[in-house]
Amino acid sequence: MKTYSAKEIFYTLQGEGANAGRAAVFCRFSGCNLWSGLEKDRASAVCQFCDTDFVGVDGLGGGKFKSAEAMAEAIDGYWPQTSSGTKLVVCTGGEPLLQLDKNLIECLHEKGFEIAVETNGTIKAPEGIDWLCVSPKANSEIVQTSGHELKLVFPQEENTPEDFLDFKFDHFFLQPKDDLNQAHNIQATIDYIHRHPQWRLSLQTHKITGIR
């Protein structure tokens, strides 16, 4: 029987993209196919600007789950049981599609969750995902070229917005890169969207508000 590993599971508000501000349970899967998560490997990684700890299973709510049913039960435990709102789980990472599969999707749907996924697009998404967000990383092969939302960290020298205009997404977002040049990146993103209004601005509101 397949097991699942999560770095952390917690209840918060979605901070980015089209679902920003919506209450959600975040399930951060352990592991990624573009970086080991270890600082000693960052310089040689395909994705070098990740700001997320996805190594191990020692975060809040993290652990190894022996079945899809067990993981769905754990995720459901973080949703307020008195709430009448539509349940939302955001499957992220690392790279969630290394682990998220048909069985877990079915178990989460049985618990009443809408399933949102944030992926780097290098793995074909299984059927049944309710909201698919692809965030391409430079120097990686994108095989998932359709979905609900494409969210591109900007700027990336090797990845320009023009590279993705033929992809089939409902929404196209640019998200300023969070590094030492963040103020410059925000202004550059705004300037680019002014010139190319098919794109929308995505800010990391969870960092602005100080929530997880």
Protein backbone atom coordinates (compact mmCIF):
# COMPACT_ATOMS: atom_id res chain seq x y z
CA MET A 1 0.00 0.00 0.00
CA LYS A 2 1.33 3.43 -0.94
CA THR A 3 2.40 5.79 1.83
CA TYR A 4 2.39 9.60 1.72
CA SER A 5 4.82 12.05 3.32
CA ALA A 6 3.91 15.59 4.33
CA LYS A 7 6.24 18.24 5.68
CA GLU A 8 3.32 20.07 7.25
CA ILE A 9 -0.46 20.38 7.26
CA PHE A 10 -2.11 23.55 8.56
CA TYR A 11 -5.18 25.77 8.24
CA THR A 12 -4.72 29.26 6.82
CA LEU A 13 -5.77 31.58 3.99
CA GLN A 14 -4.52 31.08 0.45
CA GLY A 15 -2.07 33.92 -0.09
CA GLU A 16 -1.51 33.92 -3.84
CA GLY A 17 -3.22 33.83 -7.21
CA ALA A 18 -6.88 33.72 -8.08
CA ASN A 19 -7.90 32.08 -4.78
CA ALA A 20 -6.06 34.61 -2.58
CA GLY A 21 -7.93 35.27 0.67
CA ARG A 22 -9.82 31.99 0.68
CA ALA A 23 -9.66 29.75 3.75
CA ALA A 24 -7.84 26.51 3.04
CA VAL A 25 -6.02 23.58 4.57
CA PHE A 26 -2.49 23.51 3.19
CA CYS A 27 -0.87 20.12 2.72
CA ARG A 28 2.82 20.60 1.96
CA PHE A 29 4.17 17.36 0.56
CA SER A 30 7.78 16.45 1.22
CA GLY A 31 10.25 16.32 -1.65
CA CYS A 32 10.77 17.99 -5.00
CA ASN A 33 12.20 16.94 -8.36
CA LEU A 34 13.93 20.29 -9.04
CA TRP A 35 15.88 20.74 -5.78
CA SER A 36 16.82 18.53 -2.86
CA GLY A 37 15.83 21.28 -0.42
CA LEU A 38 19.36 21.33 1.02
CA GLU A 39 21.30 24.59 0.85
CA LYS A 40 24.45 22.78 -0.24
CA ASP A 41 22.63 21.76 -3.43
CA ARG A 42 20.94 25.09 -4.23
CA ALA A 43 23.59 26.41 -6.63
CA SER A 44 23.37 23.29 -8.80
CA ALA A 45 19.58 22.89 -8.61
CA VAL A 46 17.19 23.47 -11.49
CA CYS A 47 15.13 25.77 -9.23
CA GLN A 48 17.42 27.99 -7.19
CA PHE A 49 15.05 30.58 -5.67
CA CYS A 50 12.62 28.39 -3.69
CA ASP A 51 11.79 29.93 -0.29
CA THR A 52 10.02 26.90 1.19
CA ASP A 53 11.17 24.17 3.56
CA PHE A 54 9.83 20.88 2.22
CA VAL A 55 12.46 18.52 3.63
CA GLY A 56 11.35 15.77 6.01
CA VAL A 57 8.09 15.33 7.90
CA ASP A 58 8.80 17.30 11.06
CA GLY A 59 6.60 20.36 10.48
CA LEU A 60 3.26 21.17 12.11
CA GLY A 61 0.89 18.34 11.23
CA GLY A 62 3.58 16.62 9.17
CA GLY A 63 4.22 12.91 9.10
CA LYS A 64 4.10 9.71 7.12
CA PHE A 65 0.62 8.42 6.31
CA LYS A 66 0.09 4.74 5.60
CA SER A 67 -2.86 5.22 3.25
CA ALA A 68 -4.78 7.79 1.25
CA GLU A 69 -7.64 7.43 3.73
CA ALA A 70 -5.34 8.24 6.65
CA MET A 71 -3.96 11.34 4.97
CA ALA A 72 -7.41 12.59 3.96
CA GLU A 73 -8.60 12.07 7.54
CA ALA A 74 -5.65 14.09 8.87
CA ILE A 75 -6.31 16.92 6.42
CA ASP A 76 -10.01 16.96 7.27
CA GLY A 77 -9.11 17.32 10.94
CA TYR A 78 -7.77 20.83 10.29
CA TRP A 79 -10.99 22.13 8.72
CA PRO A 80 -13.35 23.85 11.21
CA GLN A 81 -16.06 21.28 11.85
CA THR A 82 -18.68 23.99 12.47
CA SER A 83 -18.03 25.70 9.14
CA SER A 84 -20.65 25.69 6.39
CA GLY A 85 -18.21 27.00 3.77
CA THR A 86 -16.87 24.91 0.92
CA LYS A 87 -13.81 23.00 2.01
CA LEU A 88 -10.57 23.71 0.16
CA VAL A 89 -7.28 21.87 0.40
CA VAL A 90 -4.19 23.25 -1.31
CA CYS A 91 -1.72 20.53 -2.20
CA THR A 92 1.70 22.07 -2.51
CA GLY A 93 5.33 21.28 -1.80
CA GLY A 94 8.00 20.80 -2.88
CA GLU A 95 6.31 19.08 -5.77
CA PRO A 96 2.94 17.58 -4.79
CA LEU A 97 2.47 15.55 -7.97
CA LEU A 98 5.30 13.26 -6.90
CA GLN A 99 2.76 11.86 -4.42
CA LEU A 100 -0.79 13.07 -5.13
CA ASP A 101 -2.62 10.31 -6.98
CA LYS A 102 -6.09 9.08 -7.92
CA ASN A 103 -6.67 7.37 -4.57
CA LEU A 104 -5.87 10.44 -2.50
CA ILE A 105 -7.92 12.67 -4.81
CA GLU A 106 -10.91 10.37 -4.37
CA CYS A 107 -10.49 10.27 -0.59
CA LEU A 108 -10.30 14.07 -0.35
CA HIS A 109 -13.39 14.44 -2.52
CA GLU A 110 -15.21 11.99 -0.25
CA LYS A 111 -14.38 14.33 2.64
CA GLY A 112 -16.03 17.18 0.73
CA PHE A 113 -12.86 19.04 -0.32
CA GLU A 114 -12.21 20.98 -3.46
CA ILE A 115 -8.64 20.15 -4.40
CA ALA A 116 -6.22 22.85 -5.53
CA VAL A 117 -2.71 21.93 -6.62
CA GLU A 118 0.38 24.09 -7.01
CA THR A 119 2.88 22.32 -9.26
CA ASN A 120 6.00 23.16 -11.25
CA GLY A 121 4.42 21.58 -14.32
CA THR A 122 7.08 18.94 -14.97
CA ILE A 123 4.72 16.05 -14.10
CA LYS A 124 1.41 15.41 -15.86
CA ALA A 125 -1.46 16.07 -13.48
CA PRO A 126 -3.89 13.24 -12.67
CA GLU A 127 -7.58 13.67 -13.36
CA GLY A 128 -9.93 14.99 -10.69
CA ILE A 129 -8.04 18.11 -9.58
CA ASP A 130 -10.47 21.01 -9.15
CA TRP A 131 -7.98 23.89 -9.45
CA LEU A 132 -4.61 23.42 -11.11
CA CYS A 133 -1.94 26.10 -10.75
CA VAL A 134 1.30 25.65 -12.69
CA SER A 135 4.34 27.71 -11.69
CA PRO A 136 7.07 27.07 -14.30
CA LYS A 137 10.71 27.10 -13.28
CA ALA A 138 13.58 27.99 -15.60
CA ASN A 139 15.49 25.17 -17.29
CA SER A 140 12.77 22.61 -16.62
CA GLU A 141 10.64 20.78 -19.17
CA ILE A 142 6.98 21.76 -18.79
CA VAL A 143 4.63 18.90 -19.68
CA GLN A 144 1.48 20.29 -18.02
CA THR A 145 0.59 23.11 -20.44
CA SER A 146 -3.06 23.58 -19.47
CA GLY A 147 -4.99 24.25 -16.31
CA HIS A 148 -6.77 26.97 -14.40
CA GLU A 149 -3.90 29.25 -13.46
CA LEU A 150 -0.35 29.84 -14.65
CA LYS A 151 1.70 31.72 -12.06
CA LEU A 152 5.15 32.82 -13.20
CA VAL A 153 7.72 34.17 -10.77
CA PHE A 154 9.08 37.36 -12.34
CA PRO A 155 11.67 38.11 -13.48
CA GLN A 156 13.43 34.93 -14.53
CA GLU A 157 16.15 35.37 -17.12
CA GLU A 158 15.53 31.97 -18.72
CA ASN A 159 11.72 32.11 -18.44
CA THR A 160 9.96 35.07 -20.00
CA PRO A 161 6.19 35.56 -20.02
CA GLU A 162 6.19 35.34 -23.81
CA ASP A 163 7.25 31.70 -23.54
CA PHE A 164 3.86 30.72 -22.10
CA LEU A 165 1.28 32.66 -24.10
CA ASP A 166 0.32 29.59 -26.14
CA PHE A 167 -0.43 27.58 -23.01
CA LYS A 168 -4.09 26.87 -22.21
CA PHE A 169 -4.89 28.49 -18.86
CA ASP A 170 -7.85 30.52 -17.62
CA HIS A 171 -5.63 33.00 -15.73
CA PHE A 172 -2.08 34.24 -16.23
CA PHE A 173 -0.33 35.72 -13.18
CA LEU A 174 3.07 37.31 -12.66
CA GLN A 175 4.41 37.12 -9.12
CA PRO A 176 7.38 39.33 -8.15
CA LYS A 177 10.39 37.28 -7.09
CA ASP A 178 10.96 37.46 -3.34
CA ASP A 179 14.68 38.18 -3.01
CA LEU A 180 16.96 41.06 -2.05
CA ASN A 181 15.69 43.01 -5.06
CA GLN A 182 12.03 42.58 -4.17
CA ALA A 183 11.08 46.27 -4.39
CA HIS A 184 12.61 46.46 -7.86
CA ASN A 185 10.94 43.19 -8.86
CA ILE A 186 7.51 44.45 -7.77
CA GLN A 187 7.85 47.61 -9.83
CA ALA A 188 9.21 45.69 -12.83
CA THR A 189 6.23 43.33 -12.62
CA ILE A 190 3.75 46.21 -12.47
CA ASP A 191 5.44 47.90 -15.41
CA TYR A 192 5.34 44.70 -17.44
CA ILE A 193 1.63 44.14 -16.76
CA HIS A 194 0.85 47.73 -17.76
CA ARG A 195 2.38 46.90 -21.15
CA HIS A 196 0.90 43.40 -21.34
CA PRO A 197 -2.54 43.50 -19.67
CA GLN A 198 -3.30 39.85 -20.40
CA TRP A 199 -1.25 39.19 -17.27
CA ARG A 200 -2.40 39.85 -13.69
CA LEU A 201 -0.44 40.69 -10.55
CA SER A 202 -0.10 38.08 -7.80
CA LEU A 203 1.32 39.23 -4.49
CA GLN A 204 2.24 36.92 -1.62
CA THR A 205 -0.37 38.35 0.72
CA HIS A 206 0.39 35.80 3.44
CA LYS A 207 3.84 37.41 3.81
CA ILE A 208 2.37 40.91 3.75
CA THR A 209 -0.19 40.05 6.46
CA GLY A 210 2.14 37.85 8.48
CA ILE A 211 0.00 34.72 8.34
CA ARG A 212 1.29 31.27 7.46
